[in-house]
C-alpha atoms as a PDB file:
ATOM      1  CA  MET A   1     -35.942  58.181  35.272  1.00  0.00           C
ATOM      2  CA  LYS A   2     -37.889  60.550  32.930  1.00  0.00           C
ATOM      3  CA  ALA A   3     -37.540  64.266  33.555  1.00  0.00           C
ATOM      4  CA  TRP A   4     -38.270  67.624  31.935  1.00  0.00           C
ATOM      5  CA  ARG A   5     -34.756  69.623  31.984  1.00  0.00           C
ATOM      6  CA  LEU A   6     -34.078  73.231  31.475  1.00  0.00           C
ATOM      7  CA  LYS A   7     -30.963  73.142  28.989  1.00  0.00           C
ATOM      8  CA  ALA A   8     -31.254  76.547  27.665  1.00  0.00           C
ATOM      9  CA  TYR A   9     -32.972  79.846  28.827  1.00  0.00           C
ATOM     10  CA  ASN A  10     -36.227  80.911  26.162  1.00  0.00           C
ATOM     11  CA  GLN A  11     -36.254  77.283  24.917  1.00  0.00           C
ATOM     12  CA  PRO A  12     -38.520  74.601  25.362  1.00  0.00           C
ATOM     13  CA  LEU A  13     -37.807  71.999  28.349  1.00  0.00           C
ATOM     14  CA  SER A  14     -36.285  68.843  27.197  1.00  0.00           C
ATOM     15  CA  TYR A  15     -37.953  65.670  28.135  1.00  0.00           C
ATOM     16  CA  GLU A  16     -35.420  62.898  28.679  1.00  0.00           C
ATOM     17  CA  GLU A  17     -34.177  60.057  30.301  1.00  0.00           C
ATOM     18  CA  ILE A  18     -31.663  60.989  33.198  1.00  0.00           C
ATOM     19  CA  PRO A  19     -30.183  58.755  36.166  1.00  0.00           C
ATOM     20  CA  ASP A  20     -32.087  58.416  39.167  1.00  0.00           C
ATOM     21  CA  PRO A  21     -31.326  60.529  42.532  1.00  0.00           C
ATOM     22  CA  GLU A  22     -29.297  58.691  45.028  1.00  0.00           C
ATOM     23  CA  ILE A  23     -28.910  58.829  48.716  1.00  0.00           C
ATOM     24  CA  THR A  24     -25.858  60.677  49.273  1.00  0.00           C
ATOM     25  CA  ASP A  25     -26.286  62.092  52.966  1.00  0.00           C
ATOM     26  CA  PRO A  26     -27.818  60.178  55.899  1.00  0.00           C
ATOM     27  CA  THR A  27     -30.758  62.793  55.975  1.00  0.00           C
ATOM     28  CA  ASP A  28     -31.547  62.473  52.530  1.00  0.00           C
ATOM     29  CA  VAL A  29     -34.822  61.039  51.256  1.00  0.00           C
ATOM     30  CA  ILE A  30     -36.068  60.218  47.719  1.00  0.00           C
ATOM     31  CA  VAL A  31     -39.602  60.764  46.942  1.00  0.00           C
ATOM     32  CA  LYS A  32     -41.542  59.132  44.453  1.00  0.00           C
ATOM     33  CA  ILE A  33     -43.581  61.701  42.979  1.00  0.00           C
ATOM     34  CA  GLY A  34     -47.337  61.857  43.137  1.00  0.00           C
ATOM     35  CA  GLY A  35     -47.685  65.185  41.915  1.00  0.00           C
ATOM     36  CA  ALA A  36     -45.893  68.297  40.774  1.00  0.00           C
ATOM     37  CA  GLY A  37     -47.589  71.581  40.415  1.00  0.00           C
ATOM     38  CA  VAL A  38     -47.094  73.959  37.548  1.00  0.00           C
ATOM     39  CA  CYS A  39     -46.138  77.720  38.767  1.00  0.00           C
ATOM     40  CA  ARG A  40     -45.375  80.471  37.194  1.00  0.00           C
ATOM     41  CA  THR A  41     -42.015  80.790  38.506  1.00  0.00           C
ATOM     42  CA  ASP A  42     -41.299  77.802  36.180  1.00  0.00           C
ATOM     43  CA  LEU A  43     -42.166  80.034  33.380  1.00  0.00           C
ATOM     44  CA  HIS A  44     -39.669  82.651  34.672  1.00  0.00           C
ATOM     45  CA  LEU A  45     -36.665  80.155  35.193  1.00  0.00           C
ATOM     46  CA  ILE A  46     -37.314  79.007  31.392  1.00  0.00           C
ATOM     47  CA  GLU A  47     -37.094  82.885  30.611  1.00  0.00           C
ATOM     48  CA  GLY A  48     -34.030  83.527  32.722  1.00  0.00           C
ATOM     49  CA  VAL A  49     -35.518  86.077  35.352  1.00  0.00           C
ATOM     50  CA  TRP A  50     -33.730  83.944  38.094  1.00  0.00           C
ATOM     51  CA  ALA A  51     -30.619  83.389  36.364  1.00  0.00           C
ATOM     52  CA  GLU A  52     -28.260  86.237  37.597  1.00  0.00           C
ATOM     53  CA  THR A  53     -29.873  85.749  41.172  1.00  0.00           C
ATOM     54  CA  LEU A  54     -29.731  82.049  41.378  1.00  0.00           C
ATOM     55  CA  GLY A  55     -26.954  81.179  39.255  1.00  0.00           C
ATOM     56  CA  THR A  56     -28.082  77.554  38.899  1.00  0.00           C
ATOM     57  CA  PRO A  57     -25.672  75.427  36.494  1.00  0.00           C
ATOM     58  CA  LEU A  58     -27.573  74.318  33.309  1.00  0.00           C
ATOM     59  CA  PRO A  59     -29.242  71.559  32.504  1.00  0.00           C
ATOM     60  CA  PHE A  60     -31.590  70.737  35.657  1.00  0.00           C
ATOM     61  CA  THR A  61     -34.762  69.615  36.173  1.00  0.00           C
ATOM     62  CA  ILE A  62     -37.457  72.549  37.175  1.00  0.00           C
ATOM     63  CA  GLY A  63     -40.487  71.914  39.633  1.00  0.00           C
ATOM     64  CA  HIS A  64     -40.599  73.033  43.110  1.00  0.00           C
ATOM     65  CA  GLU A  65     -44.414  71.940  44.248  1.00  0.00           C
ATOM     66  CA  ASN A  66     -44.092  68.386  45.109  1.00  0.00           C
ATOM     67  CA  ALA A  67     -45.777  65.827  46.747  1.00  0.00           C
ATOM     68  CA  GLY A  68     -45.638  61.732  46.807  1.00  0.00           C
ATOM     69  CA  TRP A  69     -44.472  58.626  48.629  1.00  0.00           C
ATOM     70  CA  VAL A  70     -41.151  58.129  50.646  1.00  0.00           C
ATOM     71  CA  TYR A  71     -39.038  55.965  48.104  1.00  0.00           C
ATOM     72  CA  LYS A  72     -35.772  55.599  49.676  1.00  0.00           C
ATOM     73  CA  LYS A  73     -34.372  57.045  52.848  1.00  0.00           C
ATOM     74  CA  GLY A  74     -30.981  57.722  54.252  1.00  0.00           C
ATOM     75  CA  SER A  75     -29.523  55.870  57.504  1.00  0.00           C
ATOM     76  CA  SER A  76     -30.369  58.583  59.749  1.00  0.00           C
ATOM     77  CA  VAL A  77     -34.038  59.025  58.802  1.00  0.00           C
ATOM     78  CA  THR A  78     -36.216  58.205  61.441  1.00  0.00           C
ATOM     79  CA  GLU A  79     -39.675  60.044  61.242  1.00  0.00           C
ATOM     80  CA  PHE A  80     -40.747  58.318  57.992  1.00  0.00           C
ATOM     81  CA  GLU A  81     -41.207  54.865  56.510  1.00  0.00           C
ATOM     82  CA  ILE A  82     -41.005  53.769  52.921  1.00  0.00           C
ATOM     83  CA  GLY A  83     -44.388  54.447  51.198  1.00  0.00           C
ATOM     84  CA  ASP A  84     -45.125  57.243  53.300  1.00  0.00           C
ATOM     85  CA  PRO A  85     -47.504  59.831  51.801  1.00  0.00           C
ATOM     86  CA  VAL A  86     -45.632  63.238  52.006  1.00  0.00           C
ATOM     87  CA  ILE A  87     -45.969  66.758  50.951  1.00  0.00           C
ATOM     88  CA  VAL A  88     -42.386  68.595  50.526  1.00  0.00           C
ATOM     89  CA  HIS A  89     -41.604  71.692  51.829  1.00  0.00           C
ATOM     90  CA  PRO A  90     -39.696  73.548  48.778  1.00  0.00           C
ATOM     91  CA  VAL A  91     -36.643  74.361  50.729  1.00  0.00           C
ATOM     92  CA  VAL A  92     -34.213  71.664  51.819  1.00  0.00           C
ATOM     93  CA  SER A  93     -32.664  73.542  55.000  1.00  0.00           C
ATOM     94  CA  CYS A  94     -29.637  73.034  57.225  1.00  0.00           C
ATOM     95  CA  GLY A  95     -31.374  73.348  60.665  1.00  0.00           C
ATOM     96  CA  LYS A  96     -28.288  75.286  62.023  1.00  0.00           C
ATOM     97  CA  CYS A  97     -28.293  78.672  60.838  1.00  0.00           C
ATOM     98  CA  LEU A  98     -29.845  81.434  62.873  1.00  0.00           C
ATOM     99  CA  SER A  99     -33.078  81.359  60.217  1.00  0.00           C
ATOM    100  CA  CYS A 100     -33.620  77.961  60.635  1.00  0.00           C
ATOM    101  CA  ARG A 101     -33.303  78.157  64.439  1.00  0.00           C
ATOM    102  CA  ALA A 102     -35.864  80.703  64.109  1.00  0.00           C
ATOM    103  CA  GLY A 103     -38.202  78.334  62.246  1.00  0.00           C
ATOM    104  CA  GLU A 104     -37.921  80.708  58.831  1.00  0.00           C
ATOM    105  CA  ASP A 105     -36.507  77.911  56.422  1.00  0.00           C
ATOM    106  CA  MET A 106     -36.749  79.835  53.263  1.00  0.00           C
ATOM    107  CA  HIS A 107     -34.065  82.079  54.923  1.00  0.00           C
ATOM    108  CA  CYS A 108     -31.522  78.916  55.372  1.00  0.00           C
ATOM    109  CA  ASP A 109     -28.235  80.196  54.926  1.00  0.00           C
ATOM    110  CA  ASN A 110     -27.384  77.205  53.340  1.00  0.00           C
ATOM    111  CA  LEU A 111     -30.562  76.459  51.816  1.00  0.00           C
ATOM    112  CA  LYS A 112     -30.951  74.284  48.483  1.00  0.00           C
ATOM    113  CA  PHE A 113     -34.142  74.781  46.575  1.00  0.00           C
ATOM    114  CA  PRO A 114     -35.171  71.833  44.305  1.00  0.00           C
ATOM    115  CA  GLY A 115     -36.642  73.230  41.241  1.00  0.00           C
ATOM    116  CA  LEU A 116     -34.512  76.530  41.237  1.00  0.00           C
ATOM    117  CA  THR A 117     -31.016  75.682  42.640  1.00  0.00           C
ATOM    118  CA  VAL A 118     -30.934  71.792  42.176  1.00  0.00           C
ATOM    119  CA  ASP A 119     -32.988  69.186  40.447  1.00  0.00           C
ATOM    120  CA  GLY A 120     -36.986  69.497  40.949  1.00  0.00           C
ATOM    121  CA  GLY A 121     -39.905  67.563  40.662  1.00  0.00           C
ATOM    122  CA  TYR A 122     -40.737  67.491  37.073  1.00  0.00           C
ATOM    123  CA  ALA A 123     -39.693  63.888  37.152  1.00  0.00           C
ATOM    124  CA  GLU A 124     -40.635  60.462  38.374  1.00  0.00           C
ATOM    125  CA  TYR A 125     -38.388  60.909  41.476  1.00  0.00           C
ATOM    126  CA  LEU A 126     -37.025  63.828  43.798  1.00  0.00           C
ATOM    127  CA  LYS A 127     -33.852  63.994  46.239  1.00  0.00           C
ATOM    128  CA  THR A 128     -34.971  66.176  49.574  1.00  0.00           C
ATOM    129  CA  SER A 129     -34.377  65.776  53.302  1.00  0.00           C
ATOM    130  CA  GLU A 130     -36.186  64.603  56.097  1.00  0.00           C
ATOM    131  CA  ARG A 131     -36.411  68.270  57.409  1.00  0.00           C
ATOM    132  CA  ALA A 132     -38.666  69.105  54.336  1.00  0.00           C
ATOM    133  CA  LEU A 133     -41.455  66.280  54.562  1.00  0.00           C
ATOM    134  CA  ILE A 134     -44.633  66.282  56.141  1.00  0.00           C
ATOM    135  CA  LYS A 135     -46.671  63.243  56.170  1.00  0.00           C
ATOM    136  CA  LEU A 136     -50.166  63.849  54.753  1.00  0.00           C
ATOM    137  CA  ASP A 137     -53.265  62.568  56.431  1.00  0.00           C
ATOM    138  CA  GLU A 138     -54.549  58.920  55.471  1.00  0.00           C
ATOM    139  CA  HIS A 139     -57.452  60.250  53.071  1.00  0.00           C
ATOM    140  CA  VAL A 140     -55.489  62.808  51.390  1.00  0.00           C
ATOM    141  CA  LYS A 141     -53.890  62.254  48.048  1.00  0.00           C
ATOM    142  CA  PRO A 142     -50.501  63.498  46.959  1.00  0.00           C
ATOM    143  CA  ALA A 143     -51.779  64.825  43.511  1.00  0.00           C
ATOM    144  CA  ASP A 144     -54.415  66.703  45.073  1.00  0.00           C
ATOM    145  CA  VAL A 145     -52.272  68.683  47.261  1.00  0.00           C
ATOM    146  CA  ALA A 146     -48.858  69.282  45.674  1.00  0.00           C
ATOM    147  CA  PRO A 147     -49.567  72.805  44.775  1.00  0.00           C
ATOM    148  CA  LEU A 148     -49.888  73.810  48.715  1.00  0.00           C
ATOM    149  CA  ALA A 149     -46.325  72.931  48.828  1.00  0.00           C
ATOM    150  CA  ASP A 150     -45.654  76.396  47.260  1.00  0.00           C
ATOM    151  CA  ALA A 151     -48.723  78.400  46.185  1.00  0.00           C
ATOM    152  CA  GLY A 152     -50.367  77.454  49.024  1.00  0.00           C
ATOM    153  CA  ILE A 153     -47.974  78.445  51.858  1.00  0.00           C
ATOM    154  CA  THR A 154     -46.948  81.674  49.978  1.00  0.00           C
ATOM    155  CA  ALA A 155     -50.868  82.663  50.166  1.00  0.00           C
ATOM    156  CA  TYR A 156     -50.919  81.451  53.602  1.00  0.00           C
ATOM    157  CA  ARG A 157     -47.931  83.337  54.722  1.00  0.00           C
ATOM    158  CA  ALA A 158     -49.211  86.671  53.125  1.00  0.00           C
ATOM    159  CA  VAL A 159     -52.633  86.246  54.664  1.00  0.00           C
ATOM    160  CA  LYS A 160     -51.289  85.366  58.118  1.00  0.00           C
ATOM    161  CA  LYS A 161     -49.290  88.683  58.003  1.00  0.00           C
ATOM    162  CA  ALA A 162     -52.275  90.755  56.711  1.00  0.00           C
ATOM    163  CA  ALA A 163     -54.766  89.199  59.067  1.00  0.00           C
ATOM    164  CA  PRO A 164     -54.248  91.360  62.087  1.00  0.00           C
ATOM    165  CA  PHE A 165     -55.024  94.310  59.955  1.00  0.00           C
ATOM    166  CA  ALA A 166     -58.219  92.687  58.910  1.00  0.00           C
ATOM    167  CA  LYS A 167     -60.541  94.109  61.541  1.00  0.00           C
ATOM    168  CA  PRO A 168     -64.414  94.030  61.471  1.00  0.00           C
ATOM    169  CA  GLY A 169     -65.505  96.763  59.484  1.00  0.00           C
ATOM    170  CA  THR A 170     -62.078  96.893  57.421  1.00  0.00           C
ATOM    171  CA  LYS A 171     -62.314  96.073  53.861  1.00  0.00           C
ATOM    172  CA  VAL A 172     -59.331  93.725  52.104  1.00  0.00           C
ATOM    173  CA  LEU A 173     -58.853  93.691  48.190  1.00  0.00           C
ATOM    174  CA  MET A 174     -57.161  90.627  46.943  1.00  0.00           C
ATOM    175  CA  ILE A 175     -55.672  91.053  43.356  1.00  0.00           C
ATOM    176  CA  GLY A 176     -55.429  87.899  41.099  1.00  0.00           C
ATOM    177  CA  MET A 177     -57.604  85.139  41.685  1.00  0.00           C
ATOM    178  CA  GLY A 178     -55.665  82.539  40.034  1.00  0.00           C
ATOM    179  CA  GLY A 179     -53.612  79.777  41.647  1.00  0.00           C
ATOM    180  CA  LEU A 180     -52.779  81.863  45.029  1.00  0.00           C
ATOM    181  CA  GLY A 181     -55.322  84.230  45.186  1.00  0.00           C
ATOM    182  CA  HIS A 182     -58.307  81.717  45.360  1.00  0.00           C
ATOM    183  CA  ILE A 183     -56.413  80.122  48.218  1.00  0.00           C
ATOM    184  CA  GLY A 184     -56.011  83.695  49.636  1.00  0.00           C
ATOM    185  CA  VAL A 185     -59.485  84.124  49.824  1.00  0.00           C
ATOM    186  CA  GLN A 186     -60.207  81.231  51.827  1.00  0.00           C
ATOM    187  CA  LEU A 187     -57.584  81.709  54.090  1.00  0.00           C
ATOM    188  CA  MET A 188     -58.651  85.235  54.590  1.00  0.00           C
ATOM    189  CA  ARG A 189     -62.047  84.186  55.416  1.00  0.00           C
ATOM    190  CA  GLU A 190     -61.009  81.625  57.981  1.00  0.00           C
ATOM    191  CA  PHE A 191     -58.249  84.138  59.727  1.00  0.00           C
ATOM    192  CA  GLY A 192     -59.320  87.782  58.879  1.00  0.00           C
ATOM    193  CA  GLN A 193     -62.544  89.913  59.719  1.00  0.00           C
ATOM    194  CA  ALA A 194     -62.653  91.978  57.029  1.00  0.00           C
ATOM    195  CA  ASP A 195     -64.756  92.463  53.924  1.00  0.00           C
ATOM    196  CA  ILE A 196     -63.179  90.916  50.983  1.00  0.00           C
ATOM    197  CA  ILE A 197     -63.042  92.102  47.443  1.00  0.00           C
ATOM    198  CA  ALA A 198     -61.525  90.104  45.020  1.00  0.00           C
ATOM    199  CA  MET A 199     -60.287  91.443  41.697  1.00  0.00           C
ATOM    200  CA  ASP A 200     -59.469  89.971  38.506  1.00  0.00           C
ATOM    201  CA  THR A 201     -59.433  90.093  34.832  1.00  0.00           C
ATOM    202  CA  ASN A 202     -61.411  87.017  34.235  1.00  0.00           C
ATOM    203  CA  ASP A 203     -64.864  86.479  34.747  1.00  0.00           C
ATOM    204  CA  GLU A 204     -64.584  82.858  35.684  1.00  0.00           C
ATOM    205  CA  ARG A 205     -61.977  83.315  38.335  1.00  0.00           C
ATOM    206  CA  LEU A 206     -63.829  86.199  39.810  1.00  0.00           C
ATOM    207  CA  ASN A 207     -67.001  83.776  40.178  1.00  0.00           C
ATOM    208  CA  MET A 208     -64.805  81.396  41.915  1.00  0.00           C
ATOM    209  CA  ALA A 209     -63.294  83.644  44.495  1.00  0.00           C
ATOM    210  CA  LEU A 210     -67.120  84.665  45.238  1.00  0.00           C
ATOM    211  CA  GLU A 211     -67.775  81.121  45.564  1.00  0.00           C
ATOM    212  CA  TYR A 212     -64.954  80.531  47.886  1.00  0.00           C
ATOM    213  CA  GLY A 213     -65.844  83.431  50.219  1.00  0.00           C
ATOM    214  CA  ALA A 214     -65.041  86.970  48.771  1.00  0.00           C
ATOM    215  CA  ASP A 215     -67.830  89.739  49.677  1.00  0.00           C
ATOM    216  CA  ASP A 216     -67.737  91.289  46.407  1.00  0.00           C
ATOM    217  CA  GLY A 217     -65.782  90.918  42.989  1.00  0.00           C
ATOM    218  CA  VAL A 218     -64.553  93.782  40.728  1.00  0.00           C
ATOM    219  CA  ARG A 219     -62.932  93.493  37.273  1.00  0.00           C
ATOM    220  CA  GLY A 220     -59.432  94.487  36.805  1.00  0.00           C
ATOM    221  CA  GLY A 221     -58.976  97.240  34.031  1.00  0.00           C
ATOM    222  CA  GLN A 222     -59.604 100.929  33.605  1.00  0.00           C
ATOM    223  CA  ASN A 223     -62.720 100.893  35.539  1.00  0.00           C
ATOM    224  CA  ALA A 224     -61.207  99.350  38.779  1.00  0.00           C
ATOM    225  CA  ILE A 225     -60.173 102.020  40.667  1.00  0.00           C
ATOM    226  CA  ALA A 226     -63.237 103.609  40.320  1.00  0.00           C
ATOM    227  CA  GLU A 227     -65.340 100.682  41.497  1.00  0.00           C
ATOM    228  CA  ILE A 228     -63.249 100.272  44.455  1.00  0.00           C
ATOM    229  CA  ARG A 229     -63.663 103.992  45.419  1.00  0.00           C
ATOM    230  CA  LYS A 230     -67.351 103.490  45.148  1.00  0.00           C
ATOM    231  CA  LEU A 231     -67.528 100.291  47.415  1.00  0.00           C
ATOM    232  CA  THR A 232     -65.406 101.898  50.132  1.00  0.00           C
ATOM    233  CA  HIS A 233     -67.284 105.352  50.173  1.00  0.00           C
ATOM    234  CA  ASN A 234     -64.236 106.969  48.441  1.00  0.00           C
ATOM    235  CA  LYS A 235     -61.763 106.201  51.254  1.00  0.00           C
ATOM    236  CA  GLY A 236     -59.848 103.216  49.956  1.00  0.00           C
ATOM    237  CA  VAL A 237     -59.283  99.641  50.969  1.00  0.00           C
ATOM    238  CA  ASP A 238     -57.275  99.223  54.321  1.00  0.00           C
ATOM    239  CA  VAL A 239     -55.412  96.029  52.941  1.00  0.00           C
ATOM    240  CA  ILE A 240     -54.412  95.105  49.546  1.00  0.00           C
ATOM    241  CA  ILE A 241     -52.817  91.674  49.035  1.00  0.00           C
ATOM    242  CA  ASP A 242     -51.373  91.632  45.119  1.00  0.00           C
ATOM    243  CA  PHE A 243     -51.010  88.294  43.726  1.00  0.00           C
ATOM    244  CA  VAL A 244     -50.039  89.759  40.261  1.00  0.00           C
ATOM    245  CA  GLY A 245     -47.175  92.130  40.635  1.00  0.00           C
ATOM    246  CA  THR A 246     -46.961  93.882  37.606  1.00  0.00           C
ATOM    247  CA  ASP A 247     -46.521  97.598  37.116  1.00  0.00           C
ATOM    248  CA  GLU A 248     -50.009  98.013  36.704  1.00  0.00           C
ATOM    249  CA  THR A 249     -51.011  96.802  39.798  1.00  0.00           C
ATOM    250  CA  HIS A 250     -48.364  98.339  41.737  1.00  0.00           C
ATOM    251  CA  ALA A 251     -49.315 101.645  40.463  1.00  0.00           C
ATOM    252  CA  ASP A 252     -53.406 101.066  40.783  1.00  0.00           C
ATOM    253  CA  SER A 253     -52.735  99.815  44.323  1.00  0.00           C
ATOM    254  CA  MET A 254     -51.174 102.910  45.486  1.00  0.00           C
ATOM    255  CA  LYS A 255     -54.442 104.539  44.348  1.00  0.00           C
ATOM    256  CA  MET A 256     -56.896 102.350  45.928  1.00  0.00           C
ATOM    257  CA  LEU A 257     -55.170 102.213  49.093  1.00  0.00           C
ATOM    258  CA  ARG A 258     -56.629 104.071  52.242  1.00  0.00           C
ATOM    259  CA  LYS A 259     -54.264 106.151  54.556  1.00  0.00           C
ATOM    260  CA  GLY A 260     -52.329 104.105  57.050  1.00  0.00           C
ATOM    261  CA  GLY A 261     -53.414 101.027  54.745  1.00  0.00           C
ATOM    262  CA  SER A 262     -50.815  98.281  54.177  1.00  0.00           C
ATOM    263  CA  TYR A 263     -49.865  96.905  51.015  1.00  0.00           C
ATOM    264  CA  PHE A 264     -48.624  93.109  50.560  1.00  0.00           C
ATOM    265  CA  VAL A 265     -46.702  92.213  47.615  1.00  0.00           C
ATOM    266  CA  VAL A 266     -46.830  88.691  46.674  1.00  0.00           C
ATOM    267  CA  GLY A 267     -46.453  88.306  42.894  1.00  0.00           C
ATOM    268  CA  TYR A 268     -43.529  89.797  40.916  1.00  0.00           C
ATOM    269  CA  GLY A 269     -42.061  91.112  37.558  1.00  0.00           C
ATOM    270  CA  GLY A 270     -43.054  94.872  37.726  1.00  0.00           C
ATOM    271  CA  ALA A 271     -41.285  97.385  39.546  1.00  0.00           C
ATOM    272  CA  LEU A 272     -42.894  99.615  42.336  1.00  0.00           C
ATOM    273  CA  HIS A 273     -42.561 103.418  42.114  1.00  0.00           C
ATOM    274  CA  VAL A 274     -43.750 105.399  45.252  1.00  0.00           C
ATOM    275  CA  PRO A 275     -42.512 108.800  45.979  1.00  0.00           C
ATOM    276  CA  SER A 276     -41.321 108.603  49.665  1.00  0.00           C
ATOM    277  CA  LEU A 277     -43.660 111.780  50.439  1.00  0.00           C
ATOM    278  CA  ASP A 278     -46.650 109.657  49.521  1.00  0.00           C
ATOM    279  CA  ILE A 279     -45.592 106.984  51.775  1.00  0.00           C
ATOM    280  CA  ILE A 280     -45.077 109.185  54.682  1.00  0.00           C
ATOM    281  CA  ASN A 281     -47.946 111.415  53.935  1.00  0.00           C
ATOM    282  CA  ASN A 282     -50.268 108.358  53.961  1.00  0.00           C
ATOM    283  CA  GLU A 283     -48.564 106.239  56.343  1.00  0.00           C
ATOM    284  CA  PHE A 284     -48.489 103.202  53.858  1.00  0.00           C
ATOM    285  CA  ASN A 285     -47.013  99.788  54.903  1.00  0.00           C
ATOM    286  CA  ILE A 286     -45.363  98.076  52.201  1.00  0.00           C
ATOM    287  CA  ILE A 287     -44.762  94.512  52.840  1.00  0.00           C
ATOM    288  CA  GLY A 288     -42.989  91.988  50.714  1.00  0.00           C
ATOM    289  CA  ASN A 289     -43.874  88.091  51.103  1.00  0.00           C
ATOM    290  CA  LEU A 290     -41.684  84.803  50.240  1.00  0.00           C
ATOM    291  CA  VAL A 291     -42.702  81.533  50.430  1.00  0.00           C
ATOM    292  CA  GLY A 292     -43.957  80.398  53.757  1.00  0.00           C
ATOM    293  CA  ASN A 293     -42.090  78.239  56.427  1.00  0.00           C
ATOM    294  CA  TYR A 294     -42.149  74.555  57.347  1.00  0.00           C
ATOM    295  CA  ASN A 295     -44.758  75.210  60.219  1.00  0.00           C
ATOM    296  CA  GLU A 296     -46.838  77.407  58.027  1.00  0.00           C
ATOM    297  CA  LEU A 297     -47.040  74.259  55.578  1.00  0.00           C
ATOM    298  CA  TYR A 298     -47.830  72.087  58.443  1.00  0.00           C
ATOM    299  CA  GLU A 299     -50.601  74.284  59.699  1.00  0.00           C
ATOM    300  CA  LEU A 300     -52.259  74.393  55.987  1.00  0.00           C
ATOM    301  CA  MET A 301     -52.009  71.036  55.982  1.00  0.00           C
ATOM    302  CA  GLN A 302     -53.994  70.788  58.919  1.00  0.00           C
ATOM    303  CA  LEU A 303     -56.642  72.943  57.385  1.00  0.00           C
ATOM    304  CA  TYR A 304     -56.941  71.255  54.157  1.00  0.00           C
ATOM    305  CA  ALA A 305     -57.087  67.847  56.174  1.00  0.00           C
ATOM    306  CA  LYS A 306     -60.182  69.335  58.095  1.00  0.00           C
ATOM    307  CA  GLY A 307     -61.791  70.574  54.699  1.00  0.00           C
ATOM    308  CA  LYS A 308     -61.464  74.316  55.438  1.00  0.00           C
ATOM    309  CA  ILE A 309     -59.112  74.932  52.508  1.00  0.00           C
ATOM    310  CA  LYS A 310     -59.985  73.761  48.893  1.00  0.00           C
ATOM    311  CA  LEU A 311     -57.504  73.814  46.041  1.00  0.00           C
ATOM    312  CA  HIS A 312     -59.166  74.203  42.357  1.00  0.00           C
ATOM    313  CA  SER A 313     -56.527  72.290  40.252  1.00  0.00           C
ATOM    314  CA  THR A 314     -56.696  70.056  37.206  1.00  0.00           C
ATOM    315  CA  GLN A 315     -54.199  67.160  36.635  1.00  0.00           C
ATOM    316  CA  TYR A 316     -52.245  66.307  33.665  1.00  0.00           C
ATOM    317  CA  ALA A 317     -49.829  63.490  32.761  1.00  0.00           C
ATOM    318  CA  LEU A 318     -46.107  64.166  33.186  1.00  0.00           C
ATOM    319  CA  GLU A 319     -45.464  63.918  29.722  1.00  0.00           C
ATOM    320  CA  GLU A 320     -47.635  66.949  29.043  1.00  0.00           C
ATOM    321  CA  ALA A 321     -45.805  69.425  30.850  1.00  0.00           C
ATOM    322  CA  ASP A 322     -44.627  71.543  27.665  1.00  0.00           C
ATOM    323  CA  LYS A 323     -48.266  71.736  26.565  1.00  0.00           C
ATOM    324  CA  VAL A 324     -49.373  72.963  30.100  1.00  0.00           C
ATOM    325  CA  LEU A 325     -46.846  75.697  30.472  1.00  0.00           C
ATOM    326  CA  HIS A 326     -47.865  77.247  27.460  1.00  0.00           C
ATOM    327  CA  LEU A 327     -51.605  77.060  28.584  1.00  0.00           C
ATOM    328  CA  LEU A 328     -50.425  78.562  31.920  1.00  0.00           C
ATOM    329  CA  GLU A 329     -48.314  81.615  29.851  1.00  0.00           C
ATOM    330  CA  GLU A 330     -51.582  81.880  27.906  1.00  0.00           C
ATOM    331  CA  GLY A 331     -53.850  82.515  30.770  1.00  0.00           C
ATOM    332  CA  LYS A 332     -55.786  79.156  30.421  1.00  0.00           C
ATOM    333  CA  ILE A 333     -55.359  77.399  33.431  1.00  0.00           C
ATOM    334  CA  ASN A 334     -57.850  78.091  36.071  1.00  0.00           C
ATOM    335  CA  GLY A 335     -56.355  77.322  39.663  1.00  0.00           C
ATOM    336  CA  ARG A 336     -53.523  75.111  39.783  1.00  0.00           C
ATOM    337  CA  ALA A 337     -52.124  72.340  37.097  1.00  0.00           C
ATOM    338  CA  VAL A 338     -50.297  69.369  38.463  1.00  0.00           C
ATOM    339  CA  LEU A 339     -48.245  67.067  36.630  1.00  0.00           C
ATOM    340  CA  VAL A 340     -48.797  63.239  37.556  1.00  0.00           C
ATOM    341  CA  PRO A 341     -46.305  60.516  36.488  1.00  0.00           C
ATOM    342  CA  SER A 342     -47.742  57.662  34.813  1.00  0.00           C
END
């Protein structure tokens, strides 16, 4: 099969022929890829940001947002049949450790993470497990939902945590209206009761956020803090969900948050520096957010099937992955990009 391989850090991916994945465990499933989402984490992988944390041997195939059809299955797989359309939770979990038994698959002690620790979905076929699959509604196409496997459930988990704080009369600021942010706005409108303020440096993305349910839009930059202060009568917002996670958004968020407010960090790459006295005096809550668990992906797919969540995405041929990654790096992808094998 054809696949995009990371062979050296800070070098372009290599598009080459490699062997098809094979069934080696009774619970294994081989998925024929219908769509593979392109994520900023893929850029971080190429840059070596995850090299020490993961220690994944090179080369490997990237791509962790995947959907398609069951192509082959192990002898103990009973819940799926060949040809079933599926979305793939990004983590292959063991099901036996305490995290798995608590339903927090992404904290599995023995996890495999296709696209990060083992071969992923920038390819024609992907090896995963029966535990990772969710069957798609009959009218849902794999290429239309692949990014929900990571971007979608990451936004879902953060919003679900934040929603209890988003009471009537409060204000939620959501920073970054790209691939995760535009999903997050819709979810907050579904789960929360607060006024939603969207922030981005791009007018097109801001307008999209307003279409999807944000009450106000603020252009990111040097006047952003003053605009937020104006919208909140100089008190600050009650909740911030930061889908960007740069030094700048971290620092600005601490200036835009109301006393007793909660700051949910989703995007990463920067460093958060907050004097402990500020945290104590203002009673700030600072909460980290990882990818969502299996049940959260199931719940999100129910919302999507009912038309309550829309995904703004553009599809490209699998062969165009290198070009698409460059577009993403240059900020020219609005929403999500999806690679589709021919």
